[in-house]
């Protein structure tokens, strides 16, 4: 399906596909097994100017939209979700700067992130604040021209590898969710350290660590927007980033379908390729149909966001829910088509199923997002 891509959009897909075929697929099993964060591949993505997709032209970016980011993320995820997550997580970390940063902050940080020489990360989740984002405990107390940060962030993608972190803190805990703020913290700031590298089920070529703040002094100039805007900034960020998770899911599922289809043509049982069996044909047809439906929803959502529409929370959540649930089903079916071989690490589909699971969890579990969708319909109606 071509989706009437422009020449520039098709070029983005082609560049990502070349990186996937030449650089990612040959090493993805090793990266997964050994939990290797490949700066070599990240630097190749940077040299291809793909990090510039996240940034407007006036800050040395390409000035593209969420749609183009989804195209790149989908294709990279077809190769390996860990690599795609490292790429997308940097975009997630810089979106708050785009959403709420002042001109000085944008000029300071965005060109560095556009070049890919530095990565960003998004620091919201804590042990008691996942789906309940308003329950964060990390504090930032004002001390003259500085804020003093104390607390721990959990399960942060690009943790320790990124140089620029957008961190959500409580500047006024008495106000609850209205007392949350967002602040930029740079790697190397005294009092800012990292926890152990997490041993994960999937996306093992990305790095996930704790962010630990102990009397960490950060300039008041690093506050995004103003005190108390943190929750709003986080929700506006997720509205833009959730279709990118949908794109990850579509890419994983596409890779699994391709592997399953190719295998079905060469695997013989009862004297014939299993692709000749109607049961297998129906599975392949359903996989392809569901992938295409998810892709259409993700692309539509991205284009609505790029059009400037403001009421996007419902659609953004729906695209993430549908695509991630689809990816889990498709990767499970891919293993079924492979049979016993699908259960073995010799073939990539078991890895794809392990990778697919996280898309149902991060940036809002699908159960919470169903609440978001339903409450929005109750409030604003079905249309």
Protein backbone atom coordinates (compact mmCIF):
# COMPACT_ATOMS: atom_id res chain seq x y z
CA UNK A 1 0.00 0.00 0.00
CA UNK A 2 1.60 3.26 -1.12
CA UNK A 3 -0.58 5.77 0.75
CA UNK A 4 0.20 8.42 -1.87
CA UNK A 5 3.50 9.34 -0.24
CA UNK A 6 5.34 12.40 -1.49
CA UNK A 7 8.83 12.02 -2.93
CA UNK A 8 10.32 13.25 0.36
CA UNK A 9 8.21 10.86 2.42
CA UNK A 10 9.15 7.92 0.22
CA UNK A 11 12.80 8.90 0.58
CA UNK A 12 12.46 8.73 4.37
CA UNK A 13 11.02 5.21 4.08
CA UNK A 14 13.74 4.14 1.65
CA UNK A 15 16.55 5.47 3.85
CA UNK A 16 15.16 3.69 6.90
CA UNK A 17 14.66 0.48 4.94
CA UNK A 18 18.27 0.54 3.78
CA UNK A 19 19.48 0.99 7.36
CA UNK A 20 17.22 -1.87 8.47
CA UNK A 21 18.34 -4.27 5.73
CA UNK A 22 22.03 -3.45 5.81
CA UNK A 23 22.75 -2.49 9.40
CA UNK A 24 20.02 -3.74 11.74
CA UNK A 25 18.75 -7.14 10.56
CA UNK A 26 22.23 -8.72 10.36
CA UNK A 27 22.95 -7.92 14.03
CA UNK A 28 19.54 -7.72 15.71
CA UNK A 29 19.71 -11.19 17.26
CA UNK A 30 23.09 -10.42 18.83
CA UNK A 31 21.94 -7.00 20.06
CA UNK A 32 18.90 -8.67 21.64
CA UNK A 33 20.80 -11.56 23.21
CA UNK A 34 23.62 -9.41 24.63
CA UNK A 35 21.52 -6.32 25.41
CA UNK A 36 23.76 -4.10 23.31
CA UNK A 37 22.88 -0.44 22.80
CA UNK A 38 24.38 0.16 19.36
CA UNK A 39 25.78 3.67 19.15
CA UNK A 40 27.12 2.63 15.75
CA UNK A 41 23.58 2.23 14.38
CA UNK A 42 22.28 5.31 16.23
CA UNK A 43 25.09 7.33 14.66
CA UNK A 44 24.17 5.93 11.25
CA UNK A 45 20.58 7.10 11.84
CA UNK A 46 21.97 10.51 12.82
CA UNK A 47 24.17 10.73 9.71
CA UNK A 48 21.05 10.04 7.67
CA UNK A 49 19.46 13.14 9.26
CA UNK A 50 16.54 11.16 10.63
CA UNK A 51 16.66 12.86 14.05
CA UNK A 52 15.96 16.11 12.21
CA UNK A 53 12.43 14.83 11.56
CA UNK A 54 11.49 15.78 15.12
CA UNK A 55 12.67 19.39 14.91
CA UNK A 56 11.40 22.50 13.05
CA UNK A 57 13.57 24.03 10.35
CA UNK A 58 14.39 27.13 12.39
CA UNK A 59 16.23 24.91 14.86
CA UNK A 60 18.17 22.95 12.22
CA UNK A 61 15.50 20.29 11.74
CA UNK A 62 13.59 19.22 8.65
CA UNK A 63 10.27 20.73 9.69
CA UNK A 64 8.31 17.58 9.00
CA UNK A 65 5.34 16.33 11.02
CA UNK A 66 4.20 13.39 13.10
CA UNK A 67 3.30 11.53 9.90
CA UNK A 68 6.90 11.46 8.70
CA UNK A 69 8.09 10.45 12.18
CA UNK A 70 5.61 7.55 12.07
CA UNK A 71 6.91 6.48 8.66
CA UNK A 72 10.50 6.36 9.94
CA UNK A 73 9.60 4.69 13.23
CA UNK A 74 7.48 2.03 11.54
CA UNK A 75 10.27 1.07 9.19
CA UNK A 76 12.93 0.99 11.92
CA UNK A 77 10.61 -1.13 14.09
CA UNK A 78 10.27 -3.64 11.26
CA UNK A 79 13.96 -4.27 11.83
CA UNK A 80 14.28 -3.99 15.60
CA UNK A 81 12.08 -2.33 18.20
CA UNK A 82 14.99 -1.57 20.51
CA UNK A 83 16.71 0.59 17.89
CA UNK A 84 13.38 2.19 16.98
CA UNK A 85 12.68 2.91 20.65
CA UNK A 86 16.04 4.63 21.13
CA UNK A 87 15.19 6.81 18.12
CA UNK A 88 11.59 7.53 19.15
CA UNK A 89 12.45 8.07 22.83
CA UNK A 90 14.74 10.92 21.88
CA UNK A 91 11.80 12.48 20.07
CA UNK A 92 9.62 11.92 23.12
CA UNK A 93 12.17 13.71 25.28
CA UNK A 94 12.29 16.76 23.04
CA UNK A 95 8.54 17.16 22.40
CA UNK A 96 8.05 18.93 25.78
CA UNK A 97 10.65 21.48 24.69
CA UNK A 98 8.67 22.05 21.50
CA UNK A 99 5.39 22.19 23.43
CA UNK A 100 6.42 24.51 26.25
CA UNK A 101 10.01 25.64 25.83
CA UNK A 102 10.91 29.30 25.43
CA UNK A 103 13.00 30.56 22.53
CA UNK A 104 16.24 30.41 24.48
CA UNK A 105 15.64 26.79 25.49
CA UNK A 106 14.73 25.78 21.95
CA UNK A 107 17.84 27.41 20.47
CA UNK A 108 20.05 25.79 23.08
CA UNK A 109 18.79 22.21 22.93
CA UNK A 110 16.94 21.49 19.68
CA UNK A 111 19.88 21.87 17.23
CA UNK A 112 21.92 19.41 19.31
CA UNK A 113 19.06 16.90 19.26
CA UNK A 114 18.35 17.47 15.56
CA UNK A 115 21.91 16.49 14.69
CA UNK A 116 21.62 13.26 16.66
CA UNK A 117 24.90 14.05 18.38
CA UNK A 118 22.94 14.05 21.61
CA UNK A 119 19.87 12.03 22.58
CA UNK A 120 16.97 13.08 24.77
CA UNK A 121 14.87 11.14 27.29
CA UNK A 122 11.51 11.62 28.97
CA UNK A 123 11.42 11.26 32.75
CA UNK A 124 7.90 10.81 34.12
CA UNK A 125 7.39 7.25 35.42
CA UNK A 126 8.09 6.33 39.04
CA UNK A 127 7.43 3.24 41.14
CA UNK A 128 4.07 4.66 42.26
CA UNK A 129 3.39 6.83 39.23
CA UNK A 130 2.86 4.96 35.99
CA UNK A 131 -0.71 5.11 34.79
CA UNK A 132 -1.35 7.42 37.74
CA UNK A 133 0.91 10.14 36.38
CA UNK A 134 -0.33 12.63 38.95
CA UNK A 135 1.22 10.61 41.80
CA UNK A 136 4.84 11.52 41.15
CA UNK A 137 6.99 11.95 44.27
CA UNK A 138 10.17 13.48 42.83
CA UNK A 139 10.38 17.02 44.16
CA UNK A 140 12.00 20.25 43.01
CA UNK A 141 12.27 22.88 45.73
CA UNK A 142 13.11 26.45 44.79
CA UNK A 143 16.37 27.77 46.24
CA UNK A 144 17.11 31.23 44.84
CA UNK A 145 18.01 30.86 41.17
CA UNK A 146 17.96 27.05 41.37
CA UNK A 147 15.68 24.09 41.99
CA UNK A 148 16.89 21.26 44.22
CA UNK A 149 15.70 17.90 42.83
CA UNK A 150 15.27 14.75 44.93
CA UNK A 151 13.68 11.48 43.88
CA UNK A 152 13.90 8.58 41.46
CA UNK A 153 12.45 8.00 38.01
CA UNK A 154 11.92 4.42 36.85
CA UNK A 155 12.09 2.59 33.50
CA UNK A 156 13.40 5.53 31.49
CA UNK A 157 14.25 4.70 27.87
CA UNK A 158 17.66 6.08 26.83
CA UNK A 159 18.47 6.47 30.53
CA UNK A 160 22.21 6.98 30.91
CA UNK A 161 22.77 7.22 27.15
CA UNK A 162 20.87 10.48 26.62
CA UNK A 163 22.40 13.85 27.45
CA UNK A 164 19.20 15.89 27.78
CA UNK A 165 16.30 14.87 30.04
CA UNK A 166 12.87 16.40 30.44
CA UNK A 167 11.94 15.48 34.00
CA UNK A 168 8.57 15.84 35.68
CA UNK A 169 8.70 16.93 39.31
CA UNK A 170 6.52 18.27 42.08
CA UNK A 171 7.27 21.94 42.72
CA UNK A 172 4.20 22.30 44.94
CA UNK A 173 3.10 18.90 46.30
CA UNK A 174 0.22 20.46 48.24
CA UNK A 175 -1.53 21.23 44.95
CA UNK A 176 -1.47 17.63 43.79
CA UNK A 177 -1.51 17.25 40.04
CA UNK A 178 -1.56 21.05 39.61
CA UNK A 179 1.72 21.25 41.47
CA UNK A 180 3.68 19.27 38.86
CA UNK A 181 6.28 20.97 36.67
CA UNK A 182 8.65 19.98 33.87
CA UNK A 183 12.34 20.82 33.96
CA UNK A 184 15.32 20.13 31.70
CA UNK A 185 18.23 18.32 33.36
CA UNK A 186 21.51 17.66 31.60
CA UNK A 187 23.62 14.56 32.04
CA UNK A 188 26.62 15.32 34.24
CA UNK A 189 24.76 17.68 36.55
CA UNK A 190 26.03 17.05 40.11
CA UNK A 191 23.51 14.99 42.07
CA UNK A 192 22.10 13.33 38.92
CA UNK A 193 23.01 9.65 38.60
CA UNK A 194 21.69 6.51 36.92
CA UNK A 195 20.51 3.18 38.29
CA UNK A 196 21.25 -0.27 36.95
CA UNK A 197 20.48 -1.26 33.39
CA UNK A 198 17.17 -3.14 33.44
CA UNK A 199 17.01 -6.72 32.13
CA UNK A 200 13.89 -6.68 29.96
CA UNK A 201 11.64 -9.18 28.20
CA UNK A 202 11.83 -7.32 24.90
CA UNK A 203 13.36 -4.29 23.12
CA UNK A 204 16.61 -5.39 24.71
CA UNK A 205 18.82 -3.36 22.38
CA UNK A 206 17.45 -0.20 23.98
CA UNK A 207 18.60 0.93 27.42
CA UNK A 208 16.21 1.38 30.33
CA UNK A 209 17.51 2.80 33.61
CA UNK A 210 16.49 4.71 36.72
CA UNK A 211 17.19 8.42 37.01
CA UNK A 212 18.33 9.22 40.55
CA UNK A 213 18.32 12.78 41.89
CA UNK A 214 20.04 13.60 45.19
CA UNK A 215 20.12 17.31 46.01
CA UNK A 216 20.56 17.96 42.29
CA UNK A 217 20.79 21.72 41.60
CA UNK A 218 19.22 22.83 38.33
CA UNK A 219 18.89 26.42 37.14
CA UNK A 220 15.44 28.00 37.24
CA UNK A 221 16.06 28.83 33.55
CA UNK A 222 15.48 25.14 32.80
CA UNK A 223 11.81 25.11 33.83
CA UNK A 224 9.54 24.46 30.84
CA UNK A 225 6.65 26.89 30.68
CA UNK A 226 5.96 27.79 34.28
CA UNK A 227 5.48 26.03 37.59
CA UNK A 228 2.35 23.89 37.66
CA UNK A 229 2.26 23.19 33.91
CA UNK A 230 3.90 19.77 34.16
CA UNK A 231 0.82 17.58 33.82
CA UNK A 232 -0.51 19.60 30.88
CA UNK A 233 2.88 19.38 29.14
CA UNK A 234 3.01 15.61 29.68
CA UNK A 235 -0.50 15.05 28.30
CA UNK A 236 0.16 17.26 25.25
CA UNK A 237 3.33 15.30 24.65
CA UNK A 238 1.52 11.97 24.80
CA UNK A 239 -1.15 13.21 22.38
CA UNK A 240 1.62 13.58 19.80
CA UNK A 241 3.72 10.57 20.73
CA UNK A 242 1.11 7.80 21.04
CA UNK A 243 0.63 7.41 17.27
CA UNK A 244 4.39 6.82 17.11
CA UNK A 245 3.91 3.84 19.45
CA UNK A 246 1.19 2.72 17.04
CA UNK A 247 3.73 3.00 14.24
CA UNK A 248 6.17 0.86 16.22
CA UNK A 249 3.47 -1.80 16.57
CA UNK A 250 2.67 -1.70 12.86
CA UNK A 251 6.37 -2.10 12.01
CA UNK A 252 6.84 -5.07 14.33
CA UNK A 253 3.73 -6.76 12.92
CA UNK A 254 4.82 -6.10 9.34
CA UNK A 255 8.17 -7.73 10.02
CA UNK A 256 6.46 -10.74 11.59
CA UNK A 257 4.09 -11.11 8.66
CA UNK A 258 6.94 -11.02 6.16
CA UNK A 259 8.84 -13.69 8.09
CA UNK A 260 5.74 -15.89 8.42
CA UNK A 261 4.81 -15.55 4.75
CA UNK A 262 8.30 -16.41 3.56
CA UNK A 263 8.52 -19.38 5.91
CA UNK A 264 5.12 -20.70 4.84
CA UNK A 265 6.37 -20.94 1.25
CA UNK A 266 9.37 -23.12 2.09
CA UNK A 267 8.09 -25.19 5.00
CA UNK A 268 6.64 -28.45 3.72
CA UNK A 269 4.27 -30.81 5.50
CA UNK A 270 2.31 -33.71 3.98
CA UNK A 271 4.26 -33.19 0.77
CA UNK A 272 3.24 -29.54 0.19
CA UNK A 273 4.25 -26.05 1.29
CA UNK A 274 2.13 -25.03 4.27
CA UNK A 275 1.18 -21.87 2.36
CA UNK A 276 -1.09 -24.13 0.30
CA UNK A 277 -3.17 -24.97 3.38
CA UNK A 278 -6.31 -22.91 3.76
CA UNK A 279 -5.86 -22.61 7.52
CA UNK A 280 -2.48 -20.92 7.01
CA UNK A 281 -3.82 -18.78 4.16
CA UNK A 282 -6.60 -17.47 6.38
CA UNK A 283 -4.13 -16.63 9.16
CA UNK A 284 -1.92 -14.74 6.71
CA UNK A 285 -4.91 -12.90 5.26
CA UNK A 286 -6.14 -11.85 8.70
CA UNK A 287 -2.65 -10.73 9.72
CA UNK A 288 -2.28 -8.58 6.61
CA UNK A 289 -5.79 -7.13 6.94
CA UNK A 290 -5.32 -6.16 10.57
CA UNK A 291 -1.92 -4.62 9.89
CA UNK A 292 -3.38 -2.51 7.11
CA UNK A 293 -6.28 -1.39 9.30
CA UNK A 294 -3.89 -0.36 12.08
CA UNK A 295 -1.59 1.41 9.65
CA UNK A 296 -4.52 3.38 8.23
CA UNK A 297 -5.60 4.48 11.72
CA UNK A 298 -2.07 5.46 12.74
CA UNK A 299 -1.47 7.42 9.54
CA UNK A 300 -4.86 9.13 9.78
CA UNK A 301 -4.16 10.13 13.39
CA UNK A 302 -0.75 11.52 12.46
CA UNK A 303 -2.21 13.60 9.64
CA UNK A 304 -4.96 14.95 11.90
CA UNK A 305 -2.30 16.05 14.40
CA UNK A 306 -0.24 17.65 11.63
CA UNK A 307 -3.32 19.54 10.43
CA UNK A 308 -3.36 21.47 13.71
CA UNK A 309 -6.46 19.85 15.21
CA UNK A 310 -6.45 20.32 18.99
CA UNK A 311 -8.88 17.65 20.23
CA UNK A 312 -6.67 14.67 19.44
CA UNK A 313 -6.49 12.77 22.74
CA UNK A 314 -9.17 10.23 21.82
CA UNK A 315 -7.86 9.51 18.34
CA UNK A 316 -4.26 9.36 19.53
CA UNK A 317 -5.21 6.86 22.24
CA UNK A 318 -7.27 4.75 19.83
CA UNK A 319 -4.39 4.45 17.38
CA UNK A 320 -2.06 3.20 20.09
CA UNK A 321 -4.63 0.75 21.52
CA UNK A 322 -5.64 -0.79 18.22
CA UNK A 323 -2.16 -1.05 16.71
CA UNK A 324 -0.51 -2.52 19.80
CA UNK A 325 -3.23 -5.11 20.37
CA UNK A 326 -2.96 -5.99 16.69
CA UNK A 327 0.83 -6.42 16.93
CA UNK A 328 0.52 -8.81 19.84
CA UNK A 329 -1.97 -10.94 17.90
CA UNK A 330 -0.01 -10.89 14.65
CA UNK A 331 3.31 -11.81 16.26
CA UNK A 332 1.63 -14.64 18.18
CA UNK A 333 0.13 -15.95 14.94
CA UNK A 334 3.52 -15.68 13.24
CA UNK A 335 4.98 -17.99 15.87
CA UNK A 336 2.07 -20.38 15.30
CA UNK A 337 2.80 -20.51 11.58
CA UNK A 338 6.43 -21.32 12.33
CA UNK A 339 5.29 -24.04 14.72
CA UNK A 340 8.02 -25.39 16.99
CA UNK A 341 10.65 -23.39 15.11
CA UNK A 342 8.84 -20.19 16.03
CA UNK A 343 9.51 -20.94 19.68
CA UNK A 344 13.24 -21.06 19.05
CA UNK A 345 15.58 -18.08 19.10
CA UNK A 346 17.07 -19.25 15.82
CA UNK A 347 14.15 -17.47 14.14
CA UNK A 348 13.20 -13.81 14.74
CA UNK A 349 9.46 -14.13 15.37
CA UNK A 350 9.77 -15.04 19.05
CA UNK A 351 11.75 -11.83 19.53
CA UNK A 352 9.07 -9.87 17.70
CA UNK A 353 6.42 -11.20 20.05
CA UNK A 354 8.53 -10.25 23.07
CA UNK A 355 9.05 -6.79 21.59
CA UNK A 356 5.38 -6.30 20.73
CA UNK A 357 4.25 -6.68 24.34
CA UNK A 358 5.70 -3.38 25.53
CA UNK A 359 3.64 -1.42 22.99
CA UNK A 360 0.54 -2.38 25.00
CA UNK A 361 2.14 -1.02 28.17
CA UNK A 362 4.29 2.07 27.79
CA UNK A 363 3.03 5.62 27.24
CA UNK A 364 -0.25 4.59 28.81
CA UNK A 365 -1.43 1.01 29.27
CA UNK A 366 -4.19 0.02 26.87
CA UNK A 367 -6.57 -0.40 29.80
CA UNK A 368 -6.03 3.19 30.95
CA UNK A 369 -6.29 4.47 27.38
CA UNK A 370 -9.63 2.74 26.95
CA UNK A 371 -10.79 4.78 29.95
CA UNK A 372 -9.46 7.90 28.24
CA UNK A 373 -11.36 7.12 25.04
CA UNK A 374 -14.62 6.31 26.83
CA UNK A 375 -14.50 9.39 29.08
CA UNK A 376 -13.83 11.61 26.08
CA UNK A 377 -16.86 10.15 24.28
CA UNK A 378 -19.02 10.67 27.37
CA UNK A 379 -17.84 14.27 27.56
CA UNK A 380 -17.88 15.27 23.89
CA UNK A 381 -20.07 12.68 22.17
CA UNK A 382 -19.20 9.98 19.68
CA UNK A 383 -18.20 12.27 16.79
